[in-house]
Structure formats: structure tokens, C-alpha cells
C-alpha atoms as a PDB file:
ATOM      1  CA  UNK A   1     -19.541  37.039   1.376  1.00  0.00           C
ATOM      2  CA  UNK A   2     -19.423  37.087  -2.488  1.00  0.00           C
ATOM      3  CA  UNK A   3     -16.609  35.474  -4.315  1.00  0.00           C
ATOM      4  CA  UNK A   4     -16.237  36.788  -7.854  1.00  0.00           C
ATOM      5  CA  UNK A   5     -14.936  33.731  -9.671  1.00  0.00           C
ATOM      6  CA  UNK A   6     -13.979  35.992 -12.787  1.00  0.00           C
ATOM      7  CA  UNK A   7     -11.000  37.064 -10.537  1.00  0.00           C
ATOM      8  CA  UNK A   8      -9.566  33.431 -11.215  1.00  0.00           C
ATOM      9  CA  UNK A   9      -9.943  33.671 -15.067  1.00  0.00           C
ATOM     10  CA  UNK A  10     -12.637  33.657 -17.722  1.00  0.00           C
ATOM     11  CA  UNK A  11     -11.981  30.040 -18.493  1.00  0.00           C
ATOM     12  CA  UNK A  12     -11.981  27.727 -15.442  1.00  0.00           C
ATOM     13  CA  UNK A  13     -11.254  24.257 -16.554  1.00  0.00           C
ATOM     14  CA  UNK A  14      -8.624  21.979 -15.029  1.00  0.00           C
ATOM     15  CA  UNK A  15      -8.611  20.216 -11.717  1.00  0.00           C
ATOM     16  CA  UNK A  16      -5.157  21.590 -10.717  1.00  0.00           C
ATOM     17  CA  UNK A  17      -6.370  25.222 -11.421  1.00  0.00           C
ATOM     18  CA  UNK A  18      -9.453  24.499  -9.302  1.00  0.00           C
ATOM     19  CA  UNK A  19      -7.407  23.189  -6.436  1.00  0.00           C
ATOM     20  CA  UNK A  20      -5.130  26.266  -6.641  1.00  0.00           C
ATOM     21  CA  UNK A  21      -8.188  28.610  -6.719  1.00  0.00           C
ATOM     22  CA  UNK A  22      -9.730  26.715  -3.683  1.00  0.00           C
ATOM     23  CA  UNK A  23      -6.460  27.083  -1.732  1.00  0.00           C
ATOM     24  CA  UNK A  24      -6.352  30.839  -2.593  1.00  0.00           C
ATOM     25  CA  UNK A  25      -9.829  31.304  -1.464  1.00  0.00           C
ATOM     26  CA  UNK A  26      -9.375  29.403   1.828  1.00  0.00           C
ATOM     27  CA  UNK A  27      -6.189  31.390   2.515  1.00  0.00           C
ATOM     28  CA  UNK A  28      -7.471  34.849   1.889  1.00  0.00           C
ATOM     29  CA  UNK A  29     -11.300  34.815   2.440  1.00  0.00           C
ATOM     30  CA  UNK A  30     -12.348  34.675   6.014  1.00  0.00           C
ATOM     31  CA  UNK A  31     -16.204  34.735   6.310  1.00  0.00           C
ATOM     32  CA  UNK A  32     -17.956  35.493   9.592  1.00  0.00           C
ATOM     33  CA  UNK A  33     -19.074  32.395  11.447  1.00  0.00           C
ATOM     34  CA  UNK A  34     -22.642  32.233   9.977  1.00  0.00           C
ATOM     35  CA  UNK A  35     -22.034  34.232   6.696  1.00  0.00           C
ATOM     36  CA  UNK A  36     -23.202  32.683   3.526  1.00  0.00           C
ATOM     37  CA  UNK A  37     -20.541  32.267   0.802  1.00  0.00           C
ATOM     38  CA  UNK A  38     -21.928  33.166  -2.593  1.00  0.00           C
ATOM     39  CA  UNK A  39     -20.098  31.996  -5.691  1.00  0.00           C
ATOM     40  CA  UNK A  40     -20.746  34.476  -8.509  1.00  0.00           C
ATOM     41  CA  UNK A  41     -19.958  33.433 -12.086  1.00  0.00           C
ATOM     42  CA  UNK A  42     -20.629  36.663 -13.736  1.00  0.00           C
ATOM     43  CA  UNK A  43     -17.847  37.324 -16.375  1.00  0.00           C
ATOM     44  CA  UNK A  44     -16.786  33.653 -16.542  1.00  0.00           C
ATOM     45  CA  UNK A  45     -16.997  32.277 -20.045  1.00  0.00           C
ATOM     46  CA  UNK A  46     -16.621  28.619 -19.311  1.00  0.00           C
ATOM     47  CA  UNK A  47     -16.256  26.282 -16.316  1.00  0.00           C
ATOM     48  CA  UNK A  48     -15.454  22.765 -16.112  1.00  0.00           C
ATOM     49  CA  UNK A  49     -16.787  20.197 -13.726  1.00  0.00           C
ATOM     50  CA  UNK A  50     -13.428  19.211 -12.449  1.00  0.00           C
ATOM     51  CA  UNK A  51     -12.518  22.844 -11.548  1.00  0.00           C
ATOM     52  CA  UNK A  52     -15.901  23.380  -9.876  1.00  0.00           C
ATOM     53  CA  UNK A  53     -15.645  20.049  -8.013  1.00  0.00           C
ATOM     54  CA  UNK A  54     -12.336  21.188  -6.542  1.00  0.00           C
ATOM     55  CA  UNK A  55     -13.662  24.554  -5.433  1.00  0.00           C
ATOM     56  CA  UNK A  56     -17.106  23.359  -4.041  1.00  0.00           C
ATOM     57  CA  UNK A  57     -15.617  20.302  -2.268  1.00  0.00           C
ATOM     58  CA  UNK A  58     -13.058  22.465  -0.471  1.00  0.00           C
ATOM     59  CA  UNK A  59     -15.418  25.277   0.441  1.00  0.00           C
ATOM     60  CA  UNK A  60     -18.214  22.868   1.587  1.00  0.00           C
ATOM     61  CA  UNK A  61     -15.695  20.854   3.593  1.00  0.00           C
ATOM     62  CA  UNK A  62     -14.531  24.020   5.449  1.00  0.00           C
ATOM     63  CA  UNK A  63     -17.858  25.820   5.680  1.00  0.00           C
ATOM     64  CA  UNK A  64     -20.632  23.353   5.221  1.00  0.00           C
ATOM     65  CA  UNK A  65     -22.779  22.597   2.192  1.00  0.00           C
ATOM     66  CA  UNK A  66     -25.686  24.872   3.243  1.00  0.00           C
ATOM     67  CA  UNK A  67     -23.387  28.047   3.633  1.00  0.00           C
ATOM     68  CA  UNK A  68     -21.825  27.654   0.182  1.00  0.00           C
ATOM     69  CA  UNK A  69     -24.317  28.937  -2.540  1.00  0.00           C
ATOM     70  CA  UNK A  70     -23.910  29.201  -6.326  1.00  0.00           C
ATOM     71  CA  UNK A  71     -25.708  32.374  -7.366  1.00  0.00           C
ATOM     72  CA  UNK A  72     -28.284  32.040 -10.235  1.00  0.00           C
ATOM     73  CA  UNK A  73     -26.614  32.198 -13.563  1.00  0.00           C
ATOM     74  CA  UNK A  74     -27.457  31.678 -17.297  1.00  0.00           C
ATOM     75  CA  UNK A  75     -24.026  30.334 -17.980  1.00  0.00           C
ATOM     76  CA  UNK A  76     -24.694  26.951 -19.650  1.00  0.00           C
ATOM     77  CA  UNK A  77     -21.276  25.488 -18.677  1.00  0.00           C
ATOM     78  CA  UNK A  78     -21.888  26.314 -14.922  1.00  0.00           C
ATOM     79  CA  UNK A  79     -25.412  24.798 -15.124  1.00  0.00           C
ATOM     80  CA  UNK A  80     -24.165  21.621 -16.820  1.00  0.00           C
ATOM     81  CA  UNK A  81     -21.156  21.235 -14.496  1.00  0.00           C
ATOM     82  CA  UNK A  82     -23.519  21.493 -11.484  1.00  0.00           C
ATOM     83  CA  UNK A  83     -25.701  18.760 -12.976  1.00  0.00           C
ATOM     84  CA  UNK A  84     -22.786  16.491 -13.374  1.00  0.00           C
ATOM     85  CA  UNK A  85     -21.585  17.114  -9.780  1.00  0.00           C
ATOM     86  CA  UNK A  86     -25.114  16.629  -8.352  1.00  0.00           C
ATOM     87  CA  UNK A  87     -25.373  13.198 -10.223  1.00  0.00           C
ATOM     88  CA  UNK A  88     -22.061  12.083  -8.769  1.00  0.00           C
END
């Protein structure tokens, strides 16, 4: 299952907005039991570590870390936010 994060906006920055996006994803997206959940950042201009932390934490808590995958991207804000989260 692929989640197009551009559907949540072009600039994804705040923790409250990330929490709201995570709640929407959990409410409306029902992947099959072993289906991988792919986060697609195509069309997103900027993402902050707080927003991404809220989304990744919620999805990984519900579906497991190995099932939630961030698709490859050249978006520097995604790359740097992931680095910050991986350090923490």
C-alpha cells in the first residue's frame, strides 16, 4: 500500500499536523495483514522531523517497523529529517 504524503500538503512541518495526519492514515487506510506500507514523498516540498516522527511512530506502532518503508527520495528535508530521527 502506498501513501502519497502530498495528499496531506506540500509543507509538512508541525507535530500537531503530523499527529492529525497519522490519525487520518490509521482511520482510513487498512492494509492487508502482511502488506508493506510505503510512504511516498513525491510532490512534497518540505517535511520537518516533528511531523515525520509523529507519522512514523504511529504507523510503526500499529504495523511494525519492517512494514513501514520510506520510498527513496531526493528531497533533502526528508533525508535530513530521517537522519535526525535515526540518531534519536
